[in-house]
PDB file of N, CA and C in Angstrom:
ATOM      1  N   GLY A   1     -65.020-159.186 -29.035  1.00  0.00           N
ATOM      2  CA  GLY A   1     -65.606-158.215 -28.458  1.00  0.00           C
ATOM      3  C   GLY A   1     -64.627-156.938 -29.159  1.00  0.00           C
ATOM      4  N   PHE A   2     -64.909-155.964 -29.103  1.00  0.00           N
ATOM      5  CA  PHE A   2     -64.628-154.221 -28.593  1.00  0.00           C
ATOM      6  C   PHE A   2     -65.218-153.185 -27.977  1.00  0.00           C
ATOM      7  N   ARG A   3     -64.543-152.032 -27.651  1.00  0.00           N
ATOM      8  CA  ARG A   3     -65.310-151.008 -27.089  1.00  0.00           C
ATOM      9  C   ARG A   3     -65.183-150.344 -27.663  1.00  0.00           C
ATOM     10  N   VAL A   4     -65.765-149.373 -27.876  1.00  0.00           N
ATOM     11  CA  VAL A   4     -65.652-148.413 -28.820  1.00  0.00           C
ATOM     12  C   VAL A   4     -65.775-146.816 -27.715  1.00  0.00           C
ATOM     13  N   ALA A   5     -64.766-145.830 -26.757  1.00  0.00           N
ATOM     14  CA  ALA A   5     -64.167-144.813 -26.401  1.00  0.00           C
ATOM     15  C   ALA A   5     -64.749-143.318 -27.053  1.00  0.00           C
ATOM     16  N   ASN A   6     -64.904-142.936 -26.015  1.00  0.00           N
ATOM     17  CA  ASN A   6     -65.226-141.579 -26.634  1.00  0.00           C
ATOM     18  C   ASN A   6     -66.320-141.770 -27.561  1.00  0.00           C
ATOM     19  N   ARG A   7     -67.123-142.288 -28.225  1.00  0.00           N
ATOM     20  CA  ARG A   7     -68.503-141.939 -28.777  1.00  0.00           C
ATOM     21  C   ARG A   7     -68.825-140.641 -28.696  1.00  0.00           C
ATOM     22  N   ALA A   8     -69.229-139.741 -29.977  1.00  0.00           N
ATOM     23  CA  ALA A   8     -69.401-138.483 -30.301  1.00  0.00           C
ATOM     24  C   ALA A   8     -71.228-138.686 -29.933  1.00  0.00           C
ATOM     25  N   SER A   9     -71.595-137.686 -29.301  1.00  0.00           N
ATOM     26  CA  SER A   9     -73.123-137.870 -28.886  1.00  0.00           C
ATOM     27  C   SER A   9     -73.829-137.013 -29.464  1.00  0.00           C
ATOM     28  N   VAL A  10     -74.947-136.691 -30.022  1.00  0.00           N
ATOM     29  CA  VAL A  10     -76.154-135.778 -30.195  1.00  0.00           C
ATOM     30  C   VAL A  10     -75.902-134.659 -28.429  1.00  0.00           C
ATOM     31  N   ALA A  11     -75.708-133.609 -29.071  1.00  0.00           N
ATOM     32  CA  ALA A  11     -76.179-132.110 -28.031  1.00  0.00           C
ATOM     33  C   ALA A  11     -77.412-131.504 -28.850  1.00  0.00           C
ATOM     34  N   GLU A  12     -77.548-130.736 -29.353  1.00  0.00           N
ATOM     35  CA  GLU A  12     -78.442-130.809 -30.275  1.00  0.00           C
ATOM     36  C   GLU A  12     -79.513-130.954 -31.459  1.00  0.00           C
ATOM     37  N   LEU A  13     -80.246-131.440 -31.438  1.00  0.00           N
ATOM     38  CA  LEU A  13     -81.015-131.623 -33.335  1.00  0.00           C
ATOM     39  C   LEU A  13     -82.258-130.855 -33.199  1.00  0.00           C
ATOM     40  N   VAL A  14     -82.353-130.269 -34.573  1.00  0.00           N
ATOM     41  CA  VAL A  14     -83.946-129.261 -35.438  1.00  0.00           C
ATOM     42  C   VAL A  14     -84.054-130.480 -36.163  1.00  0.00           C
ATOM     43  N   GLU A  15     -85.123-130.840 -36.803  1.00  0.00           N
ATOM     44  CA  GLU A  15     -85.248-131.397 -38.035  1.00  0.00           C
ATOM     45  C   GLU A  15     -86.701-130.490 -38.308  1.00  0.00           C
ATOM     46  N   ASN A  16     -86.963-130.379 -39.621  1.00  0.00           N
ATOM     47  CA  ASN A  16     -88.418-129.786 -40.140  1.00  0.00           C
ATOM     48  C   ASN A  16     -88.156-130.195 -41.990  1.00  0.00           C
ATOM     49  N   ILE A  17     -89.316-130.044 -42.270  1.00  0.00           N
ATOM     50  CA  ILE A  17     -89.181-130.308 -43.725  1.00  0.00           C
ATOM     51  C   ILE A  17     -88.339-129.792 -44.675  1.00  0.00           C
ATOM     52  N   ASP A  18     -87.358-128.121 -43.957  1.00  0.00           N
ATOM     53  CA  ASP A  18     -86.364-127.701 -45.449  1.00  0.00           C
ATOM     54  C   ASP A  18     -84.887-127.461 -44.425  1.00  0.00           C
ATOM     55  N   HIS A  19     -85.238-128.079 -43.069  1.00  0.00           N
ATOM     56  CA  HIS A  19     -83.447-127.605 -42.224  1.00  0.00           C
ATOM     57  C   HIS A  19     -83.517-129.048 -41.809  1.00  0.00           C
ATOM     58  N   ILE A  20     -82.672-128.964 -41.568  1.00  0.00           N
ATOM     59  CA  ILE A  20     -82.199-129.898 -40.533  1.00  0.00           C
ATOM     60  C   ILE A  20     -80.576-129.478 -40.001  1.00  0.00           C
ATOM     61  N   LYS A  21     -80.985-129.712 -38.584  1.00  0.00           N
ATOM     62  CA  LYS A  21     -79.509-128.466 -37.984  1.00  0.00           C
ATOM     63  C   LYS A  21     -79.421-129.477 -36.610  1.00  0.00           C
ATOM     64  N   ALA A  22     -77.590-129.738 -36.975  1.00  0.00           N
ATOM     65  CA  ALA A  22     -77.533-130.469 -35.522  1.00  0.00           C
ATOM     66  C   ALA A  22     -76.315-130.186 -35.004  1.00  0.00           C
ATOM     67  N   THR A  23     -75.902-130.916 -33.133  1.00  0.00           N
ATOM     68  CA  THR A  23     -74.384-129.723 -32.565  1.00  0.00           C
ATOM     69  C   THR A  23     -74.251-131.459 -31.839  1.00  0.00           C
ATOM     70  N   HIS A  24     -73.180-132.599 -32.656  1.00  0.00           N
ATOM     71  CA  HIS A  24     -72.285-133.303 -31.318  1.00  0.00           C
ATOM     72  C   HIS A  24     -70.823-132.765 -30.699  1.00  0.00           C
ATOM     73  N   ASN A  25     -70.824-133.284 -29.888  1.00  0.00           N
ATOM     74  CA  ASN A  25     -69.289-132.966 -29.346  1.00  0.00           C
ATOM     75  C   ASN A  25     -68.455-134.063 -29.194  1.00  0.00           C
ATOM     76  N   GLY A  26     -68.074-135.003 -30.124  1.00  0.00           N
ATOM     77  CA  GLY A  26     -66.877-135.151 -30.761  1.00  0.00           C
ATOM     78  C   GLY A  26     -65.887-134.699 -30.336  1.00  0.00           C
ATOM     79  N   TYR A  27     -65.220-133.592 -30.851  1.00  0.00           N
ATOM     80  CA  TYR A  27     -64.197-132.892 -30.453  1.00  0.00           C
ATOM     81  C   TYR A  27     -64.114-132.567 -29.080  1.00  0.00           C
ATOM     82  N   ASN A  28     -65.203-132.843 -27.734  1.00  0.00           N
ATOM     83  CA  ASN A  28     -64.799-132.207 -26.806  1.00  0.00           C
ATOM     84  C   ASN A  28     -64.078-132.002 -25.883  1.00  0.00           C
ATOM     85  N   LYS A  29     -62.443-133.050 -26.713  1.00  0.00           N
ATOM     86  CA  LYS A  29     -61.236-133.309 -25.624  1.00  0.00           C
ATOM     87  C   LYS A  29     -60.678-131.912 -25.618  1.00  0.00           C
ATOM     88  N   ILE A  30     -60.960-131.037 -27.288  1.00  0.00           N
ATOM     89  CA  ILE A  30     -60.294-130.285 -27.631  1.00  0.00           C
ATOM     90  C   ILE A  30     -60.920-128.527 -27.738  1.00  0.00           C
ATOM     91  N   GLY A  31     -62.129-129.038 -26.752  1.00  0.00           N
ATOM     92  CA  GLY A  31     -63.183-128.068 -26.291  1.00  0.00           C
ATOM     93  C   GLY A  31     -64.135-127.485 -27.282  1.00  0.00           C
ATOM     94  N   VAL A  32     -63.999-128.342 -28.112  1.00  0.00           N
ATOM     95  CA  VAL A  32     -65.109-127.964 -29.813  1.00  0.00           C
ATOM     96  C   VAL A  32     -66.450-128.572 -29.679  1.00  0.00           C
ATOM     97  N   LEU A  33     -67.573-127.885 -30.470  1.00  0.00           N
ATOM     98  CA  LEU A  33     -68.642-128.864 -29.901  1.00  0.00           C
ATOM     99  C   LEU A  33     -68.549-128.319 -31.972  1.00  0.00           C
ATOM    100  N   HIS A  34     -69.243-128.603 -32.808  1.00  0.00           N
ATOM    101  CA  HIS A  34     -69.845-128.760 -34.168  1.00  0.00           C
ATOM    102  C   HIS A  34     -70.772-128.993 -34.486  1.00  0.00           C
ATOM    103  N   THR A  35     -72.019-127.999 -34.853  1.00  0.00           N
ATOM    104  CA  THR A  35     -72.621-127.902 -35.428  1.00  0.00           C
ATOM    105  C   THR A  35     -72.471-127.768 -36.906  1.00  0.00           C
ATOM    106  N   ARG A  36     -73.549-128.498 -37.860  1.00  0.00           N
ATOM    107  CA  ARG A  36     -73.968-128.652 -39.472  1.00  0.00           C
ATOM    108  C   ARG A  36     -75.483-128.074 -39.502  1.00  0.00           C
ATOM    109  N   GLU A  37     -75.527-126.788 -39.601  1.00  0.00           N
ATOM    110  CA  GLU A  37     -77.245-127.077 -40.372  1.00  0.00           C
ATOM    111  C   GLU A  37     -77.265-127.404 -42.281  1.00  0.00           C
ATOM    112  N   TRP A  38     -78.018-127.853 -42.403  1.00  0.00           N
ATOM    113  CA  TRP A  38     -78.337-128.471 -43.837  1.00  0.00           C
ATOM    114  C   TRP A  38     -79.661-127.378 -44.152  1.00  0.00           C
ATOM    115  N   THR A  39     -79.920-126.618 -45.235  1.00  0.00           N
ATOM    116  CA  THR A  39     -81.086-125.827 -45.648  1.00  0.00           C
ATOM    117  C   THR A  39     -81.735-126.658 -47.383  1.00  0.00           C
ATOM    118  N   PHE A  40     -82.902-126.645 -47.403  1.00  0.00           N
ATOM    119  CA  PHE A  40     -82.686-127.344 -48.749  1.00  0.00           C
ATOM    120  C   PHE A  40     -83.978-126.178 -49.437  1.00  0.00           C
ATOM    121  N   GLU A  41     -83.161-125.884 -50.304  1.00  0.00           N
ATOM    122  CA  GLU A  41     -83.830-124.844 -51.321  1.00  0.00           C
ATOM    123  C   GLU A  41     -84.701-125.306 -52.610  1.00  0.00           C
ATOM    124  N   GLU A  42     -85.231-125.031 -53.745  1.00  0.00           N
ATOM    125  CA  GLU A  42     -85.949-125.136 -54.523  1.00  0.00           C
ATOM    126  C   GLU A  42     -84.558-125.905 -55.259  1.00  0.00           C
ATOM    127  N   ASP A  43     -83.123-124.340 -55.593  1.00  0.00           N
ATOM    128  CA  ASP A  43     -82.307-124.527 -57.036  1.00  0.00           C
ATOM    129  C   ASP A  43     -81.155-125.030 -56.147  1.00  0.00           C
ATOM    130  N   LYS A  44     -80.928-125.236 -54.787  1.00  0.00           N
ATOM    131  CA  LYS A  44     -79.738-124.712 -53.666  1.00  0.00           C
ATOM    132  C   LYS A  44     -79.835-126.222 -52.190  1.00  0.00           C
ATOM    133  N   ILE A  45     -78.915-126.008 -52.250  1.00  0.00           N
ATOM    134  CA  ILE A  45     -78.574-127.194 -51.055  1.00  0.00           C
ATOM    135  C   ILE A  45     -77.533-126.240 -50.398  1.00  0.00           C
ATOM    136  N   ILE A  46     -77.733-125.886 -48.956  1.00  0.00           N
ATOM    137  CA  ILE A  46     -76.817-124.790 -48.365  1.00  0.00           C
ATOM    138  C   ILE A  46     -76.746-125.649 -46.572  1.00  0.00           C
ATOM    139  N   ILE A  47     -74.997-126.024 -47.141  1.00  0.00           N
ATOM    140  CA  ILE A  47     -74.225-127.018 -45.865  1.00  0.00           C
ATOM    141  C   ILE A  47     -73.647-125.840 -44.711  1.00  0.00           C
ATOM    142  N   LYS A  48     -74.157-125.392 -43.650  1.00  0.00           N
ATOM    143  CA  LYS A  48     -73.826-124.722 -43.200  1.00  0.00           C
ATOM    144  C   LYS A  48     -72.460-125.421 -41.612  1.00  0.00           C
ATOM    145  N   ASP A  49     -71.307-125.127 -41.880  1.00  0.00           N
ATOM    146  CA  ASP A  49     -70.630-125.577 -40.586  1.00  0.00           C
ATOM    147  C   ASP A  49     -70.314-124.584 -39.316  1.00  0.00           C
ATOM    148  N   SER A  50     -69.956-124.514 -38.034  1.00  0.00           N
ATOM    149  CA  SER A  50     -70.125-123.455 -37.171  1.00  0.00           C
ATOM    150  C   SER A  50     -69.355-124.483 -36.044  1.00  0.00           C
ATOM    151  N   LEU A  51     -68.373-123.943 -35.591  1.00  0.00           N
ATOM    152  CA  LEU A  51     -67.511-124.063 -34.755  1.00  0.00           C
ATOM    153  C   LEU A  51     -67.783-123.209 -33.159  1.00  0.00           C
ATOM    154  N   ASN A  52     -67.949-123.771 -31.961  1.00  0.00           N
ATOM    155  CA  ASN A  52     -68.030-122.757 -30.616  1.00  0.00           C
ATOM    156  C   ASN A  52     -66.921-121.820 -31.254  1.00  0.00           C
ATOM    157  N   ASN A  53     -65.619-122.805 -30.937  1.00  0.00           N
ATOM    158  CA  ASN A  53     -63.646-122.166 -30.778  1.00  0.00           C
ATOM    159  C   ASN A  53     -63.798-121.525 -32.108  1.00  0.00           C
ATOM    160  N   GLU A  54     -62.531-121.140 -32.130  1.00  0.00           N
ATOM    161  CA  GLU A  54     -61.569-120.831 -33.527  1.00  0.00           C
ATOM    162  C   GLU A  54     -60.470-121.431 -33.095  1.00  0.00           C
ATOM    163  N   CYS A  55     -60.545-122.705 -34.483  1.00  0.00           N
ATOM    164  CA  CYS A  55     -59.759-123.217 -34.308  1.00  0.00           C
ATOM    165  C   CYS A  55     -59.446-124.036 -36.180  1.00  0.00           C
ATOM    166  N   ASN A  56     -57.759-124.922 -36.715  1.00  0.00           N
ATOM    167  CA  ASN A  56     -57.924-124.934 -37.766  1.00  0.00           C
ATOM    168  C   ASN A  56     -59.240-126.191 -37.765  1.00  0.00           C
ATOM    169  N   ALA A  57     -59.979-126.192 -38.867  1.00  0.00           N
ATOM    170  CA  ALA A  57     -60.690-127.765 -39.118  1.00  0.00           C
ATOM    171  C   ALA A  57     -60.398-127.599 -40.673  1.00  0.00           C
ATOM    172  N   ILE A  58     -61.127-128.907 -40.820  1.00  0.00           N
ATOM    173  CA  ILE A  58     -60.854-128.888 -42.588  1.00  0.00           C
ATOM    174  C   ILE A  58     -62.736-130.302 -42.193  1.00  0.00           C
ATOM    175  N   ALA A  59     -63.533-129.671 -43.628  1.00  0.00           N
ATOM    176  CA  ALA A  59     -64.323-130.646 -43.446  1.00  0.00           C
ATOM    177  C   ALA A  59     -63.838-130.748 -45.568  1.00  0.00           C
ATOM    178  N   ARG A  60     -64.450-132.286 -45.216  1.00  0.00           N
ATOM    179  CA  ARG A  60     -64.529-132.862 -46.538  1.00  0.00           C
ATOM    180  C   ARG A  60     -65.816-133.218 -46.522  1.00  0.00           C
ATOM    181  N   LEU A  61     -66.229-133.084 -48.348  1.00  0.00           N
ATOM    182  CA  LEU A  61     -66.981-133.529 -48.914  1.00  0.00           C
ATOM    183  C   LEU A  61     -66.671-134.796 -50.520  1.00  0.00           C
ATOM    184  N   HIS A  62     -67.349-136.432 -49.942  1.00  0.00           N
ATOM    185  CA  HIS A  62     -66.764-136.990 -50.451  1.00  0.00           C
ATOM    186  C   HIS A  62     -67.932-137.110 -51.410  1.00  0.00           C
ATOM    187  N   PHE A  63     -67.845-137.437 -52.944  1.00  0.00           N
ATOM    188  CA  PHE A  63     -68.698-137.551 -53.949  1.00  0.00           C
ATOM    189  C   PHE A  63     -68.026-139.061 -54.463  1.00  0.00           C
ATOM    190  N   HIS A  64     -69.945-138.739 -55.306  1.00  0.00           N
ATOM    191  CA  HIS A  64     -69.355-140.277 -55.693  1.00  0.00           C
ATOM    192  C   HIS A  64     -69.091-140.290 -57.397  1.00  0.00           C
ATOM    193  N   PRO A  65     -68.071-141.576 -57.223  1.00  0.00           N
ATOM    194  CA  PRO A  65     -67.526-141.713 -58.460  1.00  0.00           C
ATOM    195  C   PRO A  65     -67.874-141.327 -59.782  1.00  0.00           C
ATOM    196  N   ASP A  66     -69.531-140.846 -60.098  1.00  0.00           N
ATOM    197  CA  ASP A  66     -70.314-140.839 -61.204  1.00  0.00           C
ATOM    198  C   ASP A  66     -69.943-139.128 -61.220  1.00  0.00           C
ATOM    199  N   VAL A  67     -69.521-138.349 -60.589  1.00  0.00           N
ATOM    200  CA  VAL A  67     -69.815-136.793 -60.354  1.00  0.00           C
ATOM    201  C   VAL A  67     -68.067-136.292 -60.711  1.00  0.00           C
ATOM    202  N   THR A  68     -67.972-135.055 -61.491  1.00  0.00           N
ATOM    203  CA  THR A  68     -67.036-135.119 -62.419  1.00  0.00           C
ATOM    204  C   THR A  68     -66.624-133.580 -61.830  1.00  0.00           C
ATOM    205  N   GLU A  69     -64.580-133.700 -62.084  1.00  0.00           N
ATOM    206  CA  GLU A  69     -64.579-132.217 -60.862  1.00  0.00           C
ATOM    207  C   GLU A  69     -65.285-130.812 -61.967  1.00  0.00           C
ATOM    208  N   SER A  70     -64.987-130.857 -62.891  1.00  0.00           N
ATOM    209  CA  SER A  70     -65.963-129.523 -63.534  1.00  0.00           C
ATOM    210  C   SER A  70     -67.497-129.578 -63.150  1.00  0.00           C
ATOM    211  N   GLU A  71     -68.042-130.235 -62.900  1.00  0.00           N
ATOM    212  CA  GLU A  71     -69.348-130.479 -61.697  1.00  0.00           C
ATOM    213  C   GLU A  71     -69.137-129.418 -60.776  1.00  0.00           C
ATOM    214  N   ILE A  72     -68.190-130.197 -60.383  1.00  0.00           N
ATOM    215  CA  ILE A  72     -68.054-130.010 -59.022  1.00  0.00           C
ATOM    216  C   ILE A  72     -67.348-128.153 -58.732  1.00  0.00           C
ATOM    217  N   LYS A  73     -66.684-127.773 -59.552  1.00  0.00           N
ATOM    218  CA  LYS A  73     -66.859-126.457 -59.898  1.00  0.00           C
ATOM    219  C   LYS A  73     -67.578-124.937 -60.045  1.00  0.00           C
ATOM    220  N   ASN A  74     -68.411-126.030 -60.799  1.00  0.00           N
ATOM    221  CA  ASN A  74     -69.563-125.309 -62.046  1.00  0.00           C
ATOM    222  C   ASN A  74     -70.556-124.951 -60.367  1.00  0.00           C
ATOM    223  N   LYS A  75     -71.549-126.036 -59.689  1.00  0.00           N
ATOM    224  CA  LYS A  75     -72.225-126.254 -59.011  1.00  0.00           C
ATOM    225  C   LYS A  75     -72.044-125.798 -58.111  1.00  0.00           C
ATOM    226  N   ILE A  76     -70.866-125.606 -57.187  1.00  0.00           N
ATOM    227  CA  ILE A  76     -70.601-125.737 -55.402  1.00  0.00           C
ATOM    228  C   ILE A  76     -69.075-124.506 -55.326  1.00  0.00           C
ATOM    229  N   ILE A  77     -70.289-123.405 -54.524  1.00  0.00           N
ATOM    230  CA  ILE A  77     -69.699-122.101 -54.035  1.00  0.00           C
ATOM    231  C   ILE A  77     -69.332-122.854 -52.488  1.00  0.00           C
ATOM    232  N   PHE A  78     -67.931-121.989 -52.862  1.00  0.00           N
ATOM    233  CA  PHE A  78     -67.352-122.624 -51.211  1.00  0.00           C
ATOM    234  C   PHE A  78     -66.653-121.239 -50.573  1.00  0.00           C
ATOM    235  N   ASN A  79     -66.658-120.854 -49.397  1.00  0.00           N
ATOM    236  CA  ASN A  79     -66.620-119.964 -48.933  1.00  0.00           C
ATOM    237  C   ASN A  79     -64.925-119.433 -48.542  1.00  0.00           C
ATOM    238  N   SER A  80     -64.193-120.703 -48.609  1.00  0.00           N
ATOM    239  CA  SER A  80     -63.035-121.114 -47.870  1.00  0.00           C
ATOM    240  C   SER A  80     -62.008-121.600 -49.206  1.00  0.00           C
ATOM    241  N   PRO A  81     -60.870-121.232 -48.715  1.00  0.00           N
ATOM    242  CA  PRO A  81     -59.943-122.413 -49.444  1.00  0.00           C
ATOM    243  C   PRO A  81     -60.676-123.537 -49.836  1.00  0.00           C
ATOM    244  N   PHE A  82     -60.312-124.428 -50.532  1.00  0.00           N
ATOM    245  CA  PHE A  82     -60.616-126.011 -50.830  1.00  0.00           C
ATOM    246  C   PHE A  82     -59.702-126.497 -52.156  1.00  0.00           C
ATOM    247  N   SER A  83     -59.210-127.439 -51.402  1.00  0.00           N
ATOM    248  CA  SER A  83     -58.680-128.845 -52.816  1.00  0.00           C
ATOM    249  C   SER A  83     -59.628-129.996 -53.408  1.00  0.00           C
ATOM    250  N   ILE A  84     -59.043-129.957 -54.405  1.00  0.00           N
ATOM    251  CA  ILE A  84     -59.996-131.467 -54.577  1.00  0.00           C
ATOM    252  C   ILE A  84     -59.135-132.487 -55.103  1.00  0.00           C
ATOM    253  N   LEU A  85     -59.128-133.876 -54.642  1.00  0.00           N
ATOM    254  CA  LEU A  85     -57.840-134.961 -54.145  1.00  0.00           C
ATOM    255  C   LEU A  85     -59.676-135.855 -54.579  1.00  0.00           C
ATOM    256  N   ASN A  86     -58.438-137.233 -54.510  1.00  0.00           N
ATOM    257  CA  ASN A  86     -58.766-138.134 -54.785  1.00  0.00           C
ATOM    258  C   ASN A  86     -58.723-139.326 -54.089  1.00  0.00           C
ATOM    259  N   TYR A  87     -60.092-139.821 -54.102  1.00  0.00           N
ATOM    260  CA  TYR A  87     -60.120-141.426 -52.744  1.00  0.00           C
ATOM    261  C   TYR A  87     -60.236-142.469 -53.323  1.00  0.00           C
ATOM    262  N   SER A  88     -60.428-143.059 -53.425  1.00  0.00           N
ATOM    263  CA  SER A  88     -61.435-144.662 -52.876  1.00  0.00           C
ATOM    264  C   SER A  88     -62.505-144.436 -53.073  1.00  0.00           C
ATOM    265  N   TYR A  89     -63.664-144.720 -53.453  1.00  0.00           N
ATOM    266  CA  TYR A  89     -64.754-145.184 -53.085  1.00  0.00           C
ATOM    267  C   TYR A  89     -64.968-146.332 -52.858  1.00  0.00           C
ATOM    268  N   ALA A  90     -65.647-147.105 -51.844  1.00  0.00           N
ATOM    269  CA  ALA A  90     -65.844-148.026 -51.595  1.00  0.00           C
ATOM    270  C   ALA A  90     -67.157-148.569 -51.780  1.00  0.00           C
ATOM    271  N   GLU A  91     -67.333-149.191 -53.678  1.00  0.00           N
ATOM    272  CA  GLU A  91     -68.552-149.467 -54.118  1.00  0.00           C
ATOM    273  C   GLU A  91     -69.275-151.004 -52.846  1.00  0.00           C
ATOM    274  N   GLU A  92     -68.243-152.247 -52.375  1.00  0.00           N
ATOM    275  CA  GLU A  92     -69.057-152.796 -52.238  1.00  0.00           C
ATOM    276  C   GLU A  92     -67.821-153.737 -51.767  1.00  0.00           C
ATOM    277  N   PHE A  93     -67.407-154.349 -50.661  1.00  0.00           N
ATOM    278  CA  PHE A  93     -66.157-154.988 -49.702  1.00  0.00           C
ATOM    279  C   PHE A  93     -65.457-155.758 -51.259  1.00  0.00           C
ATOM    280  N   ASN A  94     -64.332-155.019 -50.720  1.00  0.00           N
ATOM    281  CA  ASN A  94     -62.883-155.398 -51.450  1.00  0.00           C
ATOM    282  C   ASN A  94     -63.515-154.847 -53.216  1.00  0.00           C
ATOM    283  N   LYS A  95     -64.109-153.357 -52.926  1.00  0.00           N
ATOM    284  CA  LYS A  95     -63.831-153.546 -54.802  1.00  0.00           C
ATOM    285  C   LYS A  95     -64.206-151.768 -54.407  1.00  0.00           C
ATOM    286  N   THR A  96     -63.343-150.791 -55.127  1.00  0.00           N
ATOM    287  CA  THR A  96     -63.045-149.600 -54.913  1.00  0.00           C
ATOM    288  C   THR A  96     -62.970-148.796 -56.542  1.00  0.00           C
ATOM    289  N   GLN A  97     -63.574-147.844 -56.340  1.00  0.00           N
ATOM    290  CA  GLN A  97     -63.180-147.009 -57.644  1.00  0.00           C
ATOM    291  C   GLN A  97     -62.740-145.274 -57.310  1.00  0.00           C
ATOM    292  N   LYS A  98     -61.868-145.385 -58.273  1.00  0.00           N
ATOM    293  CA  LYS A  98     -61.609-143.476 -58.147  1.00  0.00           C
ATOM    294  C   LYS A  98     -62.499-142.708 -58.321  1.00  0.00           C
ATOM    295  N   ALA A  99     -62.588-141.405 -57.368  1.00  0.00           N
ATOM    296  CA  ALA A  99     -63.189-140.757 -57.059  1.00  0.00           C
ATOM    297  C   ALA A  99     -62.558-139.489 -56.395  1.00  0.00           C
ATOM    298  N   PHE A 100     -64.121-138.116 -56.213  1.00  0.00           N
ATOM    299  CA  PHE A 100     -63.219-136.435 -55.526  1.00  0.00           C
ATOM    300  C   PHE A 100     -64.207-137.202 -53.958  1.00  0.00           C
ATOM    301  N   VAL A 101     -63.433-135.506 -53.796  1.00  0.00           N
ATOM    302  CA  VAL A 101     -62.975-135.616 -52.594  1.00  0.00           C
ATOM    303  C   VAL A 101     -62.594-134.119 -52.559  1.00  0.00           C
ATOM    304  N   VAL A 102     -63.211-133.513 -52.262  1.00  0.00           N
ATOM    305  CA  VAL A 102     -62.857-132.081 -51.421  1.00  0.00           C
ATOM    306  C   VAL A 102     -62.814-131.763 -49.940  1.00  0.00           C
ATOM    307  N   GLU A 103     -61.731-130.772 -49.893  1.00  0.00           N
ATOM    308  CA  GLU A 103     -61.068-130.261 -48.531  1.00  0.00           C
ATOM    309  C   GLU A 103     -61.021-128.980 -48.877  1.00  0.00           C
ATOM    310  N   ILE A 104     -62.295-128.379 -47.867  1.00  0.00           N
ATOM    311  CA  ILE A 104     -61.998-127.184 -47.500  1.00  0.00           C
ATOM    312  C   ILE A 104     -62.053-127.020 -46.047  1.00  0.00           C
ATOM    313  N   GLU A 105     -60.659-125.791 -46.247  1.00  0.00           N
ATOM    314  CA  GLU A 105     -60.204-125.400 -44.094  1.00  0.00           C
ATOM    315  C   GLU A 105     -61.373-123.825 -43.828  1.00  0.00           C
ATOM    316  N   PHE A 106     -61.355-123.934 -42.704  1.00  0.00           N
ATOM    317  CA  PHE A 106     -61.808-122.592 -42.369  1.00  0.00           C
ATOM    318  C   PHE A 106     -61.729-123.087 -40.604  1.00  0.00           C
ATOM    319  N   ASN A 107     -62.212-121.941 -40.171  1.00  0.00           N
ATOM    320  CA  ASN A 107     -61.116-121.968 -38.612  1.00  0.00           C
ATOM    321  C   ASN A 107     -62.823-121.744 -37.224  1.00  0.00           C
ATOM    322  N   LYS A 108     -63.638-121.249 -37.962  1.00  0.00           N
ATOM    323  CA  LYS A 108     -64.650-121.141 -37.680  1.00  0.00           C
ATOM    324  C   LYS A 108     -66.161-121.147 -38.005  1.00  0.00           C
ATOM    325  N   GLU A 109     -66.597-120.864 -38.951  1.00  0.00           N
ATOM    326  CA  GLU A 109     -67.478-121.120 -39.837  1.00  0.00           C
ATOM    327  C   GLU A 109     -66.870-121.864 -41.460  1.00  0.00           C
ATOM    328  N   LEU A 110     -68.443-122.203 -42.056  1.00  0.00           N
ATOM    329  CA  LEU A 110     -67.963-122.723 -43.191  1.00  0.00           C
ATOM    330  C   LEU A 110     -69.606-122.816 -44.031  1.00  0.00           C
ATOM    331  N   LYS A 111     -69.553-121.934 -45.017  1.00  0.00           N
ATOM    332  CA  LYS A 111     -70.541-121.864 -45.482  1.00  0.00           C
ATOM    333  C   LYS A 111     -70.506-123.005 -47.762  1.00  0.00           C
ATOM    334  N   VAL A 112     -71.457-124.041 -47.271  1.00  0.00           N
ATOM    335  CA  VAL A 112     -71.480-124.422 -49.310  1.00  0.00           C
ATOM    336  C   VAL A 112     -72.432-124.476 -49.661  1.00  0.00           C
ATOM    337  N   GLU A 113     -72.262-123.926 -50.402  1.00  0.00           N
ATOM    338  CA  GLU A 113     -73.929-123.853 -52.089  1.00  0.00           C
ATOM    339  C   GLU A 113     -73.941-124.937 -52.386  1.00  0.00           C
ATOM    340  N   ILE A 114     -74.382-125.632 -52.549  1.00  0.00           N
ATOM    341  CA  ILE A 114     -74.489-126.472 -53.733  1.00  0.00           C
ATOM    342  C   ILE A 114     -76.061-126.322 -55.504  1.00  0.00           C
ATOM    343  N   SER A 115     -75.556-125.965 -55.725  1.00  0.00           N
ATOM    344  CA  SER A 115     -76.958-125.941 -57.357  1.00  0.00           C
ATOM    345  C   SER A 115     -77.388-127.246 -57.550  1.00  0.00           C
ATOM    346  N   ILE A 116     -78.019-127.240 -58.319  1.00  0.00           N
ATOM    347  CA  ILE A 116     -79.244-128.873 -58.493  1.00  0.00           C
ATOM    348  C   ILE A 116     -80.033-128.464 -59.259  1.00  0.00           C
TER     349      ILE A 116
END
């Protein structure tokens, strides 16, 4: 067996029908708490990330291989600089496909809106 040290734990969790908010302490060594909020509206999903201290951070959104780069550009609004990169999507053991991942740079707060 092996042990996993310094696992993150949930510090706060709020859930209801159209909103989820959770804070974890996985970056506690550098004095940062990360909070992510998901708000579900009729025509969009809003994801807000916030850090309790300002620092250089990167959020990543991994997409299924069926999602195209133009869909990402046309349906998602970012309030920070971002890059669209490739990654290997693992659909099952030892079987991967190329897909897109969006990397979004932010310092303290990030808001992403996804049209549905």
